[in-house]
Amino acid sequence: MRKPLLLVVPFLLVALGCGPSKPEAAKPKINISITDFEARAGVQTAEAQSVGDALASLLTSSARFNVIDRKQIQAVLQEQGFQAAQNPNAGLSQAAGILSVRKFVTGSLGKLGDNFIFSVKITDVETSGIDLSISRTYDDDLEDIMDDFLPDIVAEILASVDGVKKK
């Protein structure tokens, strides 16, 4: 008598909606491109680019973004005949369209006194509107920025992309 009851109970639980829930459908990845971060006062170009690379790495590992390498965009621009020397932004939207890039991430890193000033903007390729603009100061060593600071920035970017309002 116990065996049939053991088979019926799980069936009833699933039939009544008490069984394991279906996993939420994965949200589609968004194609983004991150430009080289601009070095501002007190910061070396290599340092700003390293911070931009670290941000790209964290965004890639978030599983919400396909980060399109900026070299691919440059290759498309050259292939389409745009001369970056004459106008660095010429054809950027067309190249982004060819690569299905939906968002551009631009940023800068500077220093004011003992604090680093980190700024990042996310621009929608189609509308050219700025979806998100973040500026933060960072008062620790630049070497620690990836562990201490950038994960919070990525969380804010993800919340913005997923439509979650900040409390």
Foldseek 3Di string as FASTA:
>chain_A
DVVVVVVVVVVVCVVVVNDDDDDDDDDAAAEEEEDQEAEDAPDDSVLSNVVSVLLVVVLVVVVRYDYDYVVQLVVVCVVVPHDCVVPVCPCSLVSCVVVVHQKYKYWYWYDDVQKIKIWIWIAGSVVRDTQDIDIDIDRDDSVCCSPPPSVVVSVVVVCSVVVHDDD
